[in-house]
Amino acid sequence: MITIEPIARALVPVDSAAAAALSAPNYDEFQSDLEVWQLLQERPASVLRVTMAHCDAETAESIAEADSPASLDRAAANMATIRADERTREVRDVLWIYEIQSPARPDVRQIGLGGLARTAEIRTPENPNGTIIRNEGVREEKAKGRARLIERIRAIVDGVNNAVDDVDGSFEAALLVHADASDPSFETEDEAGNHHRIWLVEDADDISRFRSLLAAEPHAYVADGNHRSAAAAMLGYDHFVAVFFPARTLHIAPYNRLVAAEPVSGPLPGVLTKSFYFEPFEGEDAFQPDTTHEIGLYDGSRWWRLRPRPGNFESGDAAQDIDANIVQQSLFATVFGIDDARDHRLTFVGGNRDAAWLQEQVDEGDFRFAVTLPPVTMSQFIRVCQQNRLMPPKSTWFEPKIRTGLVMALLD
């Protein structure tokens, strides 16, 4: 069973123009603080000045330390400004329907239901029967950083993206019927051209009906936002902001790697033979695999196609079968001596950067190698969750992502 409850006090944009001005990408969609600062120069009213307040600076050189007391003070002041802004209004006891349409998938309507989910339903070692299943480890310091922000601004401004099975399609169908019956409350387009639409649901009968539909789902799988849900739990809150989408409407993009290290066991490609079959990639463009167990490797002069040899991973173990795990164990650890995925010599690059961009980073001398991985399939992702295993770090890049600042929960 999945429980969703209305937000008692929500802060929302007054119209679509306000949504465009105030909303922003999620804080973890950026490769650097400089990228955040640059976007703030273009859109200074956006909620990034709260979620990434240390980047709300006059110059790039004056970017502050994340989560510092000064940054938290700035976040609180900026949140107060947003509350007082004539472009926002407060609504009470509200769920919302959230639709995202991507130009890359014009025939798919990614539509879900937003509200408050229960922290008591998160599956943890202490709560093994929880119905909201996390699929990656939580870094305590990162969760603490989000918790400090929530406490300081007295609001939750970004949500957790969850997938549900919706086997018979009744949940999705009900959402579509409701959305198609009226214009959205507000809508906006993001930096990648994805269209975000929100229908606020304030009628008590509609709220009851949607809650019953979601309660029929036996499980939900956290797609994005493990640390945001952990932050709420860490604070002892009963709820966190969440959106639940039918799994079939979600899309997973590749999550690639850049390597700033030389092989420790000999020159490439010879050292690869123990773990991989490999061959030169003959295509003219940078190589981005789209087939499971095909891996791209760029060495500064050419791309290689790698396929893991049998016996290097346990295919029956859903987490070991993920290509991100295979390259960590059989390439980074074995060839480069990088045993920990958190090693500073590894840089993770989400699906908002393509293989050509990775190749350019190597060609410019910023990194020594680029590694491209096929996207995790939705069936792989759900299989890991159902086996109660954890995904390898930085292995799923769900896109389009939930836009921050469209519906914010006020806590005071």
Protein backbone atom coordinates (compact mmCIF):
# COMPACT_ATOMS: atom_id res chain seq x y z
CA MET A 1 0.00 0.00 0.00
CA ILE A 2 1.20 3.50 -0.85
CA THR A 3 -0.23 6.40 1.13
CA ILE A 4 -0.42 9.93 -0.26
CA GLU A 5 -1.82 12.90 1.61
CA PRO A 6 -2.55 16.49 0.60
CA ILE A 7 -0.11 19.25 1.52
CA ALA A 8 -1.73 21.34 4.26
CA ARG A 9 -0.04 24.56 3.10
CA ALA A 10 1.56 24.70 -0.32
CA LEU A 11 3.28 27.60 -2.07
CA VAL A 12 2.73 27.64 -5.84
CA PRO A 13 3.23 30.05 -8.74
CA VAL A 14 0.22 32.23 -9.52
CA ASP A 15 0.38 31.49 -13.25
CA SER A 16 2.57 30.07 -16.01
CA ALA A 17 4.74 33.19 -16.31
CA ALA A 18 5.49 32.93 -12.60
CA ALA A 19 6.24 29.22 -12.94
CA ALA A 20 8.77 30.00 -15.66
CA ALA A 21 10.48 32.63 -13.52
CA LEU A 22 10.53 30.73 -10.22
CA SER A 23 11.09 27.07 -11.12
CA ALA A 24 14.51 25.53 -11.71
CA PRO A 25 16.34 22.28 -12.40
CA ASN A 26 16.99 19.99 -9.48
CA TYR A 27 20.20 20.80 -7.62
CA ASP A 28 21.87 17.54 -8.69
CA GLU A 29 21.43 18.17 -12.43
CA PHE A 30 24.51 20.39 -12.53
CA GLN A 31 28.13 19.38 -13.16
CA SER A 32 29.52 22.30 -11.13
CA ASP A 33 28.65 25.30 -8.98
CA LEU A 34 29.73 27.49 -11.88
CA GLU A 35 26.86 26.11 -13.99
CA VAL A 36 24.43 27.00 -11.20
CA TRP A 37 25.84 30.52 -10.93
CA GLN A 38 25.56 31.01 -14.69
CA LEU A 39 21.89 29.97 -14.72
CA LEU A 40 21.18 32.31 -11.81
CA GLN A 41 22.53 35.18 -13.90
CA GLU A 42 19.88 34.38 -16.50
CA ARG A 43 17.06 33.60 -14.05
CA PRO A 44 17.79 35.40 -10.77
CA ALA A 45 14.28 34.86 -9.36
CA SER A 46 14.47 31.07 -9.58
CA VAL A 47 14.31 28.79 -6.57
CA LEU A 48 17.95 27.87 -7.20
CA ARG A 49 18.78 30.82 -4.97
CA VAL A 50 17.30 28.71 -2.16
CA THR A 51 18.38 25.16 -3.05
CA MET A 52 21.88 26.30 -4.08
CA ALA A 53 22.13 29.52 -2.10
CA HIS A 54 25.92 29.43 -1.94
CA CYS A 55 25.91 30.07 -5.70
CA ASP A 56 23.75 33.17 -5.32
CA ALA A 57 26.78 35.45 -5.51
CA GLU A 58 27.76 38.63 -7.32
CA THR A 59 30.63 36.95 -9.15
CA ALA A 60 31.66 33.39 -9.92
CA GLU A 61 34.77 33.94 -7.80
CA SER A 62 32.63 34.75 -4.75
CA ILE A 63 30.64 31.48 -4.76
CA ALA A 64 30.46 30.41 -1.13
CA GLU A 65 30.79 27.07 0.63
CA ALA A 66 27.76 24.81 0.31
CA ASP A 67 25.74 24.23 3.49
CA SER A 68 27.77 26.82 5.42
CA PRO A 69 25.92 28.93 8.04
CA ALA A 70 26.20 31.95 5.74
CA SER A 71 24.72 30.01 2.82
CA LEU A 72 21.85 28.73 4.97
CA ASP A 73 21.15 32.29 6.13
CA ARG A 74 21.03 33.40 2.50
CA ALA A 75 18.72 30.50 1.63
CA ALA A 76 16.32 31.50 4.42
CA ALA A 77 16.33 35.14 3.32
CA ASN A 78 15.73 34.16 -0.30
CA MET A 79 12.91 31.81 0.68
CA ALA A 80 11.27 34.64 2.61
CA THR A 81 11.49 36.75 -0.55
CA ILE A 82 9.82 34.02 -2.59
CA ARG A 83 7.02 33.68 -0.04
CA ALA A 84 6.39 37.42 -0.22
CA ASP A 85 6.68 37.56 -4.01
CA GLU A 86 3.45 38.53 -5.76
CA ARG A 87 4.16 35.71 -8.22
CA THR A 88 3.43 33.07 -5.55
CA ARG A 89 0.29 32.19 -3.62
CA GLU A 90 -0.59 29.78 -0.83
CA VAL A 91 -3.08 26.95 -1.32
CA ARG A 92 -4.44 24.57 1.31
CA ASP A 93 -4.96 20.81 1.41
CA VAL A 94 -3.87 20.08 -2.14
CA LEU A 95 -2.65 17.19 -4.26
CA TRP A 96 -1.53 17.81 -7.82
CA ILE A 97 -1.32 16.04 -11.15
CA TYR A 98 2.05 16.51 -12.81
CA GLU A 99 2.65 15.86 -16.51
CA ILE A 100 6.00 16.12 -18.29
CA GLN A 101 6.27 15.84 -22.05
CA SER A 102 9.66 15.55 -23.67
CA PRO A 103 10.44 16.49 -27.30
CA ALA A 104 12.59 13.36 -27.36
CA ARG A 105 9.48 11.23 -26.62
CA PRO A 106 6.59 13.19 -28.12
CA ASP A 107 4.16 10.26 -27.93
CA VAL A 108 4.70 9.59 -24.20
CA ARG A 109 2.80 11.46 -21.49
CA GLN A 110 4.72 11.09 -18.24
CA ILE A 111 1.91 11.82 -15.81
CA GLY A 112 1.84 11.30 -12.07
CA LEU A 113 0.29 12.29 -8.75
CA GLY A 114 2.01 14.59 -6.27
CA GLY A 115 1.50 15.05 -2.56
CA LEU A 116 2.97 13.98 0.75
CA ALA A 117 4.31 10.43 1.12
CA ARG A 118 4.99 8.82 4.47
CA THR A 119 8.52 8.38 5.76
CA ALA A 120 7.22 5.38 7.75
CA GLU A 121 6.65 3.57 4.45
CA ILE A 122 10.29 3.87 3.31
CA ARG A 123 11.99 0.47 3.29
CA THR A 124 15.13 0.41 5.45
CA PRO A 125 17.03 -2.32 7.34
CA GLU A 126 15.00 -1.27 10.38
CA ASN A 127 11.76 -1.31 8.36
CA PRO A 128 12.17 -4.27 5.97
CA ASN A 129 8.48 -4.34 5.05
CA GLY A 130 8.36 -0.72 3.91
CA THR A 131 6.54 -0.27 0.62
CA ILE A 132 8.59 2.66 -0.76
CA ILE A 133 11.74 0.93 -1.92
CA ARG A 134 15.03 2.78 -2.13
CA ASN A 135 17.55 1.43 -4.58
CA GLU A 136 20.78 3.25 -3.79
CA GLY A 137 22.80 3.92 -0.69
CA VAL A 138 22.35 7.18 1.18
CA ARG A 139 25.36 9.31 2.02
CA GLU A 140 24.67 10.61 5.49
CA GLU A 141 26.45 13.95 5.01
CA LYS A 142 24.53 14.71 1.82
CA ALA A 143 21.22 13.91 3.53
CA LYS A 144 22.23 16.08 6.49
CA GLY A 145 22.90 18.96 4.11
CA ARG A 146 19.38 18.72 2.70
CA ALA A 147 17.98 18.38 6.23
CA ARG A 148 19.77 21.54 7.38
CA LEU A 149 18.29 23.43 4.44
CA ILE A 150 14.74 22.20 5.16
CA GLU A 151 15.03 23.20 8.81
CA ARG A 152 16.43 26.62 8.00
CA ILE A 153 13.89 27.61 5.32
CA ARG A 154 10.93 25.83 6.96
CA ALA A 155 9.85 24.38 3.65
CA ILE A 156 10.39 21.45 1.30
CA VAL A 157 10.87 22.90 -2.16
CA ASP A 158 11.83 19.82 -4.15
CA GLY A 159 10.23 16.39 -4.44
CA VAL A 160 11.07 12.71 -4.78
CA ASN A 161 10.32 10.96 -8.07
CA ASN A 162 8.81 7.48 -7.60
CA ALA A 163 7.69 4.76 -9.99
CA VAL A 164 4.68 2.48 -9.41
CA ASP A 165 3.71 -0.65 -11.33
CA ASP A 166 0.12 0.37 -12.24
CA VAL A 167 -0.29 -3.08 -13.79
CA ASP A 168 -3.84 -2.57 -15.09
CA GLY A 169 -3.33 1.06 -16.12
CA SER A 170 -6.20 2.37 -13.98
CA PHE A 171 -4.02 4.88 -12.11
CA GLU A 172 -2.62 6.40 -15.31
CA ALA A 173 -6.04 6.42 -16.97
CA ALA A 174 -7.64 8.34 -14.10
CA LEU A 175 -4.87 10.94 -14.15
CA LEU A 176 -5.23 11.45 -17.90
CA VAL A 177 -9.01 11.82 -17.71
CA HIS A 178 -8.69 14.48 -15.01
CA ALA A 179 -5.95 16.36 -16.88
CA ASP A 180 -7.77 16.31 -20.20
CA ALA A 181 -10.92 17.76 -18.65
CA SER A 182 -9.41 21.18 -17.92
CA ASP A 183 -6.49 23.49 -18.58
CA PRO A 184 -3.51 23.13 -16.25
CA SER A 185 -3.23 25.45 -13.25
CA PHE A 186 0.13 26.54 -14.67
CA GLU A 187 2.79 25.21 -17.02
CA THR A 188 6.36 25.94 -18.05
CA GLU A 189 9.15 24.73 -20.28
CA ASP A 190 12.58 23.79 -18.95
CA GLU A 191 16.05 24.39 -20.37
CA ALA A 192 15.93 21.19 -22.44
CA GLY A 193 12.53 21.94 -23.97
CA ASN A 194 10.56 19.56 -21.72
CA HIS A 195 7.05 20.82 -20.97
CA HIS A 196 5.86 20.68 -17.35
CA ARG A 197 2.13 21.00 -16.51
CA ILE A 198 0.50 21.11 -13.07
CA TRP A 199 -3.17 20.60 -12.22
CA LEU A 200 -3.87 21.44 -8.58
CA VAL A 201 -6.39 19.01 -7.06
CA GLU A 202 -8.35 20.71 -4.28
CA ASP A 203 -11.76 19.01 -4.47
CA ALA A 204 -12.19 16.59 -1.55
CA ASP A 205 -13.89 13.89 -3.66
CA ASP A 206 -11.11 13.99 -6.28
CA ILE A 207 -8.48 13.80 -3.56
CA SER A 208 -10.17 10.78 -2.00
CA ARG A 209 -10.45 9.01 -5.37
CA PHE A 210 -6.79 9.52 -6.26
CA ARG A 211 -5.64 8.46 -2.81
CA SER A 212 -7.60 5.21 -3.16
CA LEU A 213 -6.08 4.50 -6.58
CA LEU A 214 -2.54 4.95 -5.30
CA ALA A 215 -3.28 2.94 -2.15
CA ALA A 216 -3.91 -0.07 -4.41
CA GLU A 217 -0.24 -0.08 -5.44
CA PRO A 218 1.76 -2.61 -3.41
CA HIS A 219 5.11 -0.85 -3.88
CA ALA A 220 6.78 2.30 -5.15
CA TYR A 221 10.38 2.51 -6.36
CA VAL A 222 12.42 5.67 -5.70
CA ALA A 223 13.69 6.88 -9.07
CA ASP A 224 15.18 10.22 -8.00
CA GLY A 225 15.52 11.70 -4.54
CA ASN A 226 16.82 9.09 -2.09
CA HIS A 227 18.64 11.80 -0.14
CA ARG A 228 15.64 14.11 -0.11
CA SER A 229 13.45 11.40 1.43
CA ALA A 230 16.26 10.53 3.86
CA ALA A 231 16.52 14.17 4.93
CA ALA A 232 12.85 14.24 5.94
CA ALA A 233 13.21 10.98 7.84
CA MET A 234 16.39 12.26 9.52
CA LEU A 235 14.46 15.27 10.82
CA GLY A 236 11.75 13.02 12.26
CA TYR A 237 9.14 14.31 9.82
CA ASP A 238 6.18 12.08 9.06
CA HIS A 239 6.08 13.08 5.40
CA PHE A 240 8.13 14.12 2.39
CA VAL A 241 7.08 15.67 -0.92
CA ALA A 242 6.75 13.06 -3.66
CA VAL A 243 5.33 12.41 -7.11
CA PHE A 244 4.28 8.92 -8.21
CA PHE A 245 4.46 8.04 -11.93
CA PRO A 246 3.49 4.79 -13.68
CA ALA A 247 6.83 3.08 -14.35
CA ARG A 248 6.17 2.59 -18.05
CA THR A 249 6.04 6.36 -18.58
CA LEU A 250 9.51 6.99 -17.11
CA HIS A 251 12.71 7.13 -19.14
CA ILE A 252 16.26 6.26 -18.05
CA ALA A 253 19.15 7.91 -19.91
CA PRO A 254 22.82 6.84 -19.87
CA TYR A 255 24.99 7.73 -16.87
CA ASN A 256 28.60 7.95 -18.05
CA ARG A 257 32.04 8.42 -16.50
CA LEU A 258 35.22 10.44 -17.00
CA VAL A 259 38.49 9.05 -15.66
CA ALA A 260 41.47 11.12 -14.50
CA ALA A 261 43.91 8.23 -14.06
CA GLU A 262 46.33 6.04 -15.99
CA PRO A 263 46.14 2.24 -16.07
CA VAL A 264 48.14 0.69 -13.22
CA SER A 265 48.55 -2.74 -14.77
CA GLY A 266 49.89 -1.95 -18.24
CA PRO A 267 48.87 -0.10 -21.39
CA LEU A 268 45.45 -0.36 -22.98
CA PRO A 269 44.01 -2.27 -24.70
CA GLY A 270 46.10 -5.27 -23.61
CA VAL A 271 45.07 -5.12 -19.96
CA LEU A 272 41.42 -5.35 -20.97
CA THR A 273 41.61 -8.90 -22.29
CA LYS A 274 41.12 -10.56 -18.91
CA SER A 275 37.71 -9.01 -18.32
CA PHE A 276 36.39 -7.90 -21.71
CA TYR A 277 36.06 -8.74 -25.34
CA PHE A 278 36.97 -5.55 -27.16
CA GLU A 279 37.25 -4.14 -30.64
CA PRO A 280 37.69 -0.69 -32.20
CA PHE A 281 34.45 1.20 -32.68
CA GLU A 282 34.10 1.95 -36.39
CA GLY A 283 31.42 4.64 -36.21
CA GLU A 284 32.15 8.23 -37.12
CA ASP A 285 30.54 9.77 -34.02
CA ALA A 286 31.37 9.36 -30.35
CA PHE A 287 30.17 5.96 -29.14
CA GLN A 288 27.15 5.91 -26.84
CA PRO A 289 26.00 2.28 -26.42
CA ASP A 290 22.30 1.56 -26.18
CA THR A 291 22.47 -2.22 -25.67
CA THR A 292 22.96 -3.80 -22.23
CA HIS A 293 26.51 -5.12 -21.70
CA GLU A 294 28.05 -2.96 -24.41
CA ILE A 295 30.48 -0.36 -23.06
CA GLY A 296 32.32 2.48 -24.77
CA LEU A 297 35.89 3.51 -23.91
CA TYR A 298 37.63 6.56 -25.39
CA ASP A 299 41.41 6.74 -24.91
CA GLY A 300 42.12 10.11 -26.50
CA SER A 301 42.67 8.77 -29.98
CA ARG A 302 39.80 6.36 -30.65
CA TRP A 303 36.72 4.71 -29.24
CA TRP A 304 36.61 1.02 -28.24
CA ARG A 305 33.60 -1.27 -27.88
CA LEU A 306 33.85 -3.50 -24.77
CA ARG A 307 31.73 -6.51 -23.84
CA PRO A 308 32.21 -8.19 -20.44
CA ARG A 309 33.44 -11.78 -20.52
CA PRO A 310 31.23 -14.43 -18.88
CA GLY A 311 32.11 -15.10 -15.28
CA ASN A 312 33.00 -11.51 -14.40
CA PHE A 313 29.59 -10.91 -12.83
CA GLU A 314 26.67 -12.90 -11.47
CA SER A 315 23.78 -12.41 -13.88
CA GLY A 316 21.29 -13.78 -11.36
CA ASP A 317 22.12 -10.91 -9.02
CA ALA A 318 20.20 -7.95 -10.42
CA ALA A 319 22.63 -5.37 -9.01
CA GLN A 320 25.75 -7.17 -10.27
CA ASP A 321 24.19 -7.40 -13.73
CA ILE A 322 24.12 -3.59 -14.06
CA ASP A 323 26.86 -2.30 -16.37
CA ALA A 324 27.86 0.40 -13.89
CA ASN A 325 28.78 -2.37 -11.45
CA ILE A 326 30.67 -4.30 -14.12
CA VAL A 327 32.88 -1.34 -15.08
CA GLN A 328 33.49 -0.46 -11.44
CA GLN A 329 34.68 -3.95 -10.57
CA SER A 330 36.32 -5.07 -13.82
CA LEU A 331 37.62 -1.79 -15.25
CA PHE A 332 38.06 0.94 -12.68
CA ALA A 333 39.23 -1.29 -9.81
CA THR A 334 41.23 -3.76 -11.89
CA VAL A 335 42.73 -1.54 -14.60
CA PHE A 336 42.92 1.89 -12.92
CA GLY A 337 43.24 0.91 -9.27
CA ILE A 338 40.08 2.89 -8.38
CA ASP A 339 38.39 0.65 -5.82
CA ASP A 340 35.86 3.20 -4.55
CA ALA A 341 33.25 4.81 -6.79
CA ARG A 342 33.64 7.97 -4.68
CA ASP A 343 37.30 8.32 -5.70
CA HIS A 344 38.00 11.87 -6.91
CA ARG A 345 39.55 10.47 -10.10
CA LEU A 346 36.08 9.43 -11.28
CA THR A 347 33.58 12.02 -12.50
CA PHE A 348 29.99 10.99 -13.15
CA VAL A 349 28.20 12.58 -16.09
CA GLY A 350 24.41 12.41 -16.34
CA GLY A 351 22.28 12.01 -19.42
CA ASN A 352 22.12 15.76 -20.01
CA ARG A 353 25.64 15.50 -21.52
CA ASP A 354 26.24 13.33 -24.61
CA ALA A 355 29.21 11.16 -25.59
CA ALA A 356 30.61 13.91 -27.82
CA TRP A 357 30.84 16.18 -24.77
CA LEU A 358 32.75 13.50 -22.86
CA GLN A 359 35.13 13.03 -25.79
CA GLU A 360 35.75 16.78 -25.83
CA GLN A 361 36.73 16.73 -22.13
CA VAL A 362 39.36 14.10 -22.88
CA ASP A 363 40.59 15.86 -26.03
CA GLU A 364 41.04 19.09 -24.07
CA GLY A 365 43.20 17.27 -21.53
CA ASP A 366 40.87 17.61 -18.54
CA PHE A 367 40.52 13.81 -18.28
CA ARG A 368 42.44 10.79 -19.54
CA PHE A 369 39.56 8.46 -20.54
CA ALA A 370 35.82 8.55 -21.14
CA VAL A 371 33.58 5.56 -20.43
CA THR A 372 30.04 5.40 -21.85
CA LEU A 373 27.41 2.98 -20.57
CA PRO A 374 24.06 1.87 -21.97
CA PRO A 375 21.04 3.12 -20.05
CA VAL A 376 19.67 0.83 -17.37
CA THR A 377 16.35 -0.60 -18.53
CA MET A 378 13.23 -0.14 -16.44
CA SER A 379 12.96 -3.91 -15.99
CA GLN A 380 16.54 -4.02 -14.66
CA PHE A 381 15.77 -1.16 -12.29
CA ILE A 382 12.61 -2.78 -10.89
CA ARG A 383 14.35 -6.17 -10.63
CA VAL A 384 17.04 -4.63 -8.40
CA CYS A 385 14.33 -3.10 -6.20
CA GLN A 386 12.38 -6.34 -5.98
CA GLN A 387 15.50 -8.27 -4.98
CA ASN A 388 15.95 -5.70 -2.20
CA ARG A 389 19.36 -4.81 -3.61
CA LEU A 390 20.99 -1.44 -4.18
CA MET A 391 21.81 0.02 -7.57
CA PRO A 392 25.49 0.76 -8.17
CA PRO A 393 26.28 4.42 -7.45
CA LYS A 394 25.34 6.85 -10.22
CA SER A 395 23.80 4.26 -12.53
CA THR A 396 20.32 5.63 -13.30
CA TRP A 397 19.67 9.06 -14.79
CA PHE A 398 15.91 9.47 -14.99
CA GLU A 399 14.80 12.19 -17.38
CA PRO A 400 12.95 14.43 -17.72
CA LYS A 401 13.36 15.27 -14.05
CA ILE A 402 10.84 16.84 -11.70
CA ARG A 403 11.09 20.61 -11.82
CA THR A 404 11.92 22.23 -8.48
CA GLY A 405 9.73 25.01 -7.14
CA LEU A 406 6.42 24.21 -8.85
CA VAL A 407 4.76 22.98 -5.63
CA MET A 408 6.50 23.71 -2.32
CA ALA A 409 5.39 22.46 1.10
CA LEU A 410 5.42 25.10 3.87
CA LEU A 411 6.20 23.65 7.28
CA ASP A 412 5.52 26.49 9.72
